[in-house]
């Protein structure tokens, strides 16, 4: 096997590990959001949920607002999620360098 082939295999393996690491974080973020959504919504008898109007208005406003235009207090949760991603990348780099 050529050296370049070995490098390609190492790169592919590392990329796949990083993808799985970041996908795990994406799932954790999504499932955390779902728990938050369900906790703050009304459970209907048929199993569906109703999101309270004040939350719908807030989340629609946030959804259509660019990140840079959000008030500082609303950027906090996005920064928190970014830090979680950075932590996963740091962990990946530590594992990769061992």
N, C-alpha and C. Protein backbone atom coordinates (compact mmCIF):
# COMPACT_ATOMS: atom_id res chain seq x y z
N UNK A 1 0.86 -1.18 0.00
CA UNK A 1 0.00 0.00 0.00
C UNK A 1 0.90 1.23 0.00
N UNK A 2 0.55 2.18 -0.85
CA UNK A 2 1.33 3.42 -0.96
C UNK A 2 1.04 4.31 0.25
N UNK A 3 2.03 5.14 0.56
CA UNK A 3 1.90 6.07 1.68
C UNK A 3 0.69 6.98 1.50
N UNK A 4 0.49 7.44 0.29
CA UNK A 4 -0.64 8.34 0.03
C UNK A 4 -1.97 7.63 0.27
N UNK A 5 -2.03 6.34 -0.02
CA UNK A 5 -3.26 5.57 0.23
C UNK A 5 -3.53 5.45 1.73
N UNK A 6 -2.45 5.28 2.49
CA UNK A 6 -2.58 5.22 3.95
C UNK A 6 -3.09 6.56 4.48
N UNK A 7 -2.53 7.65 3.97
CA UNK A 7 -2.98 8.99 4.40
C UNK A 7 -4.46 9.20 4.09
N UNK A 8 -4.88 8.76 2.92
CA UNK A 8 -6.29 8.91 2.54
C UNK A 8 -7.18 8.11 3.49
N UNK A 9 -6.78 6.89 3.83
CA UNK A 9 -7.57 6.07 4.76
C UNK A 9 -7.65 6.72 6.13
N UNK A 10 -6.53 7.26 6.61
CA UNK A 10 -6.52 7.94 7.91
C UNK A 10 -7.43 9.16 7.86
N UNK A 11 -7.37 9.92 6.78
CA UNK A 11 -8.22 11.10 6.64
C UNK A 11 -9.70 10.71 6.64
N UNK A 12 -10.04 9.68 5.87
CA UNK A 12 -11.44 9.23 5.80
C UNK A 12 -11.93 8.76 7.16
N UNK A 13 -11.10 7.97 7.85
CA UNK A 13 -11.49 7.48 9.18
C UNK A 13 -11.69 8.66 10.14
N UNK A 14 -10.74 9.60 10.12
CA UNK A 14 -10.86 10.78 10.98
C UNK A 14 -12.09 11.61 10.66
N UNK A 15 -12.36 11.78 9.37
CA UNK A 15 -13.54 12.54 8.94
C UNK A 15 -14.82 11.86 9.43
N UNK A 16 -14.87 10.54 9.29
CA UNK A 16 -16.06 9.80 9.74
C UNK A 16 -16.26 9.92 11.24
N UNK A 17 -15.16 9.85 12.00
CA UNK A 17 -15.26 10.00 13.45
C UNK A 17 -15.76 11.40 13.80
N UNK A 18 -15.22 12.42 13.12
CA UNK A 18 -15.66 13.79 13.38
C UNK A 18 -17.14 13.98 13.02
N UNK A 19 -17.55 13.41 11.90
CA UNK A 19 -18.96 13.50 11.51
C UNK A 19 -19.85 12.88 12.59
N UNK A 20 -19.48 11.69 13.06
CA UNK A 20 -20.28 11.04 14.10
C UNK A 20 -20.29 11.85 15.40
N UNK A 21 -19.15 12.44 15.74
CA UNK A 21 -19.06 13.26 16.95
C UNK A 21 -19.98 14.48 16.84
N UNK A 22 -19.94 15.16 15.69
CA UNK A 22 -20.78 16.34 15.51
C UNK A 22 -22.26 15.97 15.34
N UNK A 23 -22.52 14.84 14.72
CA UNK A 23 -23.91 14.38 14.58
C UNK A 23 -24.50 14.05 15.95
N UNK A 24 -23.67 13.47 16.83
CA UNK A 24 -24.12 13.20 18.19
C UNK A 24 -24.51 14.50 18.89
N UNK A 25 -23.70 15.55 18.71
CA UNK A 25 -24.00 16.84 19.32
C UNK A 25 -25.27 17.44 18.72
N UNK A 26 -25.42 17.31 17.41
CA UNK A 26 -26.63 17.82 16.76
C UNK A 26 -27.87 17.14 17.33
N UNK A 27 -27.78 15.83 17.53
CA UNK A 27 -28.91 15.09 18.10
C UNK A 27 -29.18 15.52 19.54
N UNK A 28 -28.13 15.70 20.33
CA UNK A 28 -28.31 16.16 21.71
C UNK A 28 -28.98 17.53 21.75
N UNK A 29 -28.58 18.42 20.85
CA UNK A 29 -29.19 19.76 20.78
C UNK A 29 -30.66 19.65 20.39
N UNK A 30 -30.93 18.85 19.37
CA UNK A 30 -32.32 18.69 18.90
C UNK A 30 -33.19 18.08 19.99
N UNK A 31 -32.70 17.00 20.64
CA UNK A 31 -33.53 16.35 21.65
C UNK A 31 -33.73 17.26 22.86
N UNK A 32 -32.73 18.06 23.18
CA UNK A 32 -32.90 19.05 24.26
C UNK A 32 -33.96 20.07 23.91
N UNK A 33 -33.95 20.51 22.66
CA UNK A 33 -34.96 21.46 22.20
C UNK A 33 -36.36 20.83 22.24
N UNK A 34 -36.46 19.58 21.83
CA UNK A 34 -37.76 18.91 21.85
C UNK A 34 -38.28 18.78 23.28
N UNK A 35 -37.41 18.42 24.22
CA UNK A 35 -37.84 18.36 25.63
C UNK A 35 -38.33 19.72 26.09
N UNK A 36 -37.60 20.78 25.73
CA UNK A 36 -37.99 22.13 26.11
C UNK A 36 -39.35 22.48 25.49
N UNK A 37 -39.50 22.18 24.21
CA UNK A 37 -40.75 22.47 23.50
C UNK A 37 -41.93 21.75 24.14
N UNK A 38 -41.79 20.45 24.37
CA UNK A 38 -42.88 19.68 24.96
C UNK A 38 -43.19 20.11 26.39
N UNK A 39 -42.17 20.47 27.14
CA UNK A 39 -42.37 20.92 28.52
C UNK A 39 -43.16 22.24 28.56
N UNK A 40 -42.96 23.08 27.55
CA UNK A 40 -43.60 24.39 27.53
C UNK A 40 -44.87 24.44 26.69
N UNK A 41 -45.30 23.29 26.20
CA UNK A 41 -46.51 23.23 25.39
C UNK A 41 -47.62 22.51 26.16
N UNK A 42 -48.80 22.58 25.62
CA UNK A 42 -49.97 21.96 26.25
C UNK A 42 -50.21 20.60 25.59
N UNK A 43 -50.25 19.56 26.40
CA UNK A 43 -50.51 18.21 25.90
C UNK A 43 -52.02 18.05 25.67
N UNK A 44 -52.41 17.74 24.45
CA UNK A 44 -53.82 17.55 24.12
C UNK A 44 -54.22 16.10 24.34
N UNK A 45 -55.52 15.86 24.49
CA UNK A 45 -56.03 14.51 24.74
C UNK A 45 -55.68 13.51 23.63
N UNK A 46 -55.53 14.01 22.40
CA UNK A 46 -55.24 13.11 21.28
C UNK A 46 -53.74 12.84 21.12
N UNK A 47 -52.92 13.36 22.05
CA UNK A 47 -51.48 13.12 22.00
C UNK A 47 -50.70 14.23 21.31
N UNK A 48 -51.40 15.12 20.63
CA UNK A 48 -50.72 16.24 20.00
C UNK A 48 -50.42 17.32 21.07
N UNK A 49 -49.67 18.32 20.69
CA UNK A 49 -49.40 19.42 21.61
C UNK A 49 -49.83 20.73 20.99
N UNK A 50 -50.10 21.70 21.84
CA UNK A 50 -50.40 23.05 21.40
C UNK A 50 -49.34 23.96 22.01
N UNK A 51 -48.67 24.71 21.12
CA UNK A 51 -47.65 25.65 21.59
C UNK A 51 -48.36 26.94 21.97
N UNK A 52 -48.12 27.44 23.18
CA UNK A 52 -48.77 28.69 23.59
C UNK A 52 -48.44 29.84 22.63
N UNK A 53 -49.41 30.72 22.45
CA UNK A 53 -49.30 31.81 21.48
C UNK A 53 -48.06 32.67 21.72
N UNK A 54 -47.77 32.99 22.97
CA UNK A 54 -46.63 33.89 23.23
C UNK A 54 -45.30 33.25 22.80
N UNK A 55 -45.22 31.92 22.90
CA UNK A 55 -44.00 31.25 22.45
C UNK A 55 -43.93 31.19 20.92
N UNK A 56 -45.07 30.98 20.27
CA UNK A 56 -45.11 30.97 18.81
C UNK A 56 -44.64 32.33 18.29
N UNK A 57 -45.16 33.41 18.87
CA UNK A 57 -44.77 34.76 18.43
C UNK A 57 -43.28 34.99 18.63
N UNK A 58 -42.79 34.61 19.80
CA UNK A 58 -41.36 34.80 20.11
C UNK A 58 -40.48 34.01 19.15
N UNK A 59 -40.80 32.72 18.98
CA UNK A 59 -39.96 31.87 18.15
C UNK A 59 -40.05 32.24 16.68
N UNK A 60 -41.20 32.70 16.21
CA UNK A 60 -41.30 33.17 14.83
C UNK A 60 -40.43 34.41 14.62
N UNK A 61 -40.47 35.31 15.59
CA UNK A 61 -39.64 36.51 15.48
C UNK A 61 -38.17 36.12 15.44
N UNK A 62 -37.77 35.22 16.33
CA UNK A 62 -36.37 34.78 16.36
C UNK A 62 -35.98 34.04 15.07
N UNK A 63 -36.90 33.26 14.56
CA UNK A 63 -36.66 32.45 13.37
C UNK A 63 -36.36 33.34 12.16
N UNK A 64 -37.03 34.48 12.10
CA UNK A 64 -36.86 35.38 10.95
C UNK A 64 -35.85 36.50 11.22
N UNK A 65 -35.16 36.44 12.33
CA UNK A 65 -34.16 37.45 12.67
C UNK A 65 -32.78 36.86 12.47
N UNK A 66 -31.93 37.58 11.74
CA UNK A 66 -30.55 37.13 11.59
C UNK A 66 -29.88 37.12 12.95
N UNK A 67 -28.94 36.21 13.13
CA UNK A 67 -28.25 36.08 14.42
C UNK A 67 -27.67 37.43 14.87
N UNK A 68 -27.00 38.12 13.97
CA UNK A 68 -26.36 39.40 14.34
C UNK A 68 -27.35 40.45 14.79
N UNK A 69 -28.60 40.30 14.43
CA UNK A 69 -29.63 41.28 14.80
C UNK A 69 -30.38 40.89 16.07
N UNK A 70 -30.09 39.73 16.64
CA UNK A 70 -30.75 39.32 17.88
C UNK A 70 -30.21 40.16 19.04
N UNK A 71 -31.04 40.39 20.06
CA UNK A 71 -30.52 41.05 21.26
C UNK A 71 -29.51 40.12 21.95
N UNK A 72 -28.60 40.69 22.69
CA UNK A 72 -27.54 39.93 23.33
C UNK A 72 -28.09 38.77 24.18
N UNK A 73 -29.17 39.02 24.92
CA UNK A 73 -29.69 37.96 25.79
C UNK A 73 -30.22 36.77 24.98
N UNK A 74 -30.62 36.97 23.73
CA UNK A 74 -31.11 35.87 22.91
C UNK A 74 -29.98 35.16 22.16
N UNK A 75 -28.82 35.79 22.08
CA UNK A 75 -27.66 35.15 21.46
C UNK A 75 -27.04 34.12 22.40
N UNK A 76 -27.34 34.22 23.67
CA UNK A 76 -26.70 33.37 24.67
C UNK A 76 -26.87 31.88 24.36
N UNK A 77 -28.10 31.45 24.06
CA UNK A 77 -28.32 30.02 23.83
C UNK A 77 -27.61 29.55 22.56
N UNK A 78 -27.52 30.41 21.54
CA UNK A 78 -26.79 30.04 20.33
C UNK A 78 -25.30 29.91 20.62
N UNK A 79 -24.78 30.81 21.43
CA UNK A 79 -23.36 30.72 21.82
C UNK A 79 -23.11 29.46 22.65
N UNK A 80 -24.06 29.13 23.49
CA UNK A 80 -23.94 27.92 24.30
C UNK A 80 -23.87 26.68 23.40
N UNK A 81 -24.71 26.63 22.38
CA UNK A 81 -24.68 25.52 21.43
C UNK A 81 -23.36 25.50 20.66
N UNK A 82 -22.86 26.67 20.28
CA UNK A 82 -21.58 26.73 19.57
C UNK A 82 -20.45 26.20 20.46
N UNK A 83 -20.49 26.54 21.74
CA UNK A 83 -19.47 26.05 22.67
C UNK A 83 -19.53 24.53 22.80
N UNK A 84 -20.72 23.96 22.76
CA UNK A 84 -20.84 22.50 22.82
C UNK A 84 -20.19 21.87 21.59
N UNK A 85 -20.36 22.49 20.44
CA UNK A 85 -19.74 21.98 19.21
C UNK A 85 -18.22 22.08 19.31
N UNK A 86 -17.74 23.21 19.81
CA UNK A 86 -16.29 23.39 19.98
C UNK A 86 -15.73 22.34 20.93
N UNK A 87 -16.46 22.06 22.02
CA UNK A 87 -16.01 21.04 22.97
C UNK A 87 -15.91 19.67 22.30
N UNK A 88 -16.87 19.35 21.43
CA UNK A 88 -16.81 18.07 20.72
C UNK A 88 -15.62 18.02 19.77
N UNK A 89 -15.33 19.14 19.11
CA UNK A 89 -14.18 19.19 18.21
C UNK A 89 -12.89 19.05 18.99
N UNK A 90 -12.82 19.72 20.15
CA UNK A 90 -11.62 19.58 21.00
C UNK A 90 -11.43 18.13 21.42
N UNK A 91 -12.51 17.48 21.82
CA UNK A 91 -12.43 16.07 22.21
C UNK A 91 -11.95 15.22 21.05
N UNK A 92 -12.48 15.48 19.87
CA UNK A 92 -12.05 14.75 18.67
C UNK A 92 -10.56 14.95 18.43
N UNK A 93 -10.07 16.18 18.56
CA UNK A 93 -8.65 16.46 18.33
C UNK A 93 -7.77 15.76 19.37
N UNK A 94 -8.25 15.70 20.63
CA UNK A 94 -7.48 14.99 21.66
C UNK A 94 -7.38 13.50 21.35
N UNK A 95 -8.50 12.92 20.94
CA UNK A 95 -8.52 11.48 20.59
C UNK A 95 -7.62 11.23 19.38
N UNK A 96 -7.72 12.12 18.39
CA UNK A 96 -6.97 11.96 17.16
C UNK A 96 -5.47 12.06 17.43
N UNK A 97 -5.08 12.92 18.36
CA UNK A 97 -3.65 13.14 18.63
C UNK A 97 -3.06 12.10 19.57
N UNK A 98 -3.88 11.26 20.17
CA UNK A 98 -3.36 10.22 21.08
C UNK A 98 -2.79 9.05 20.32
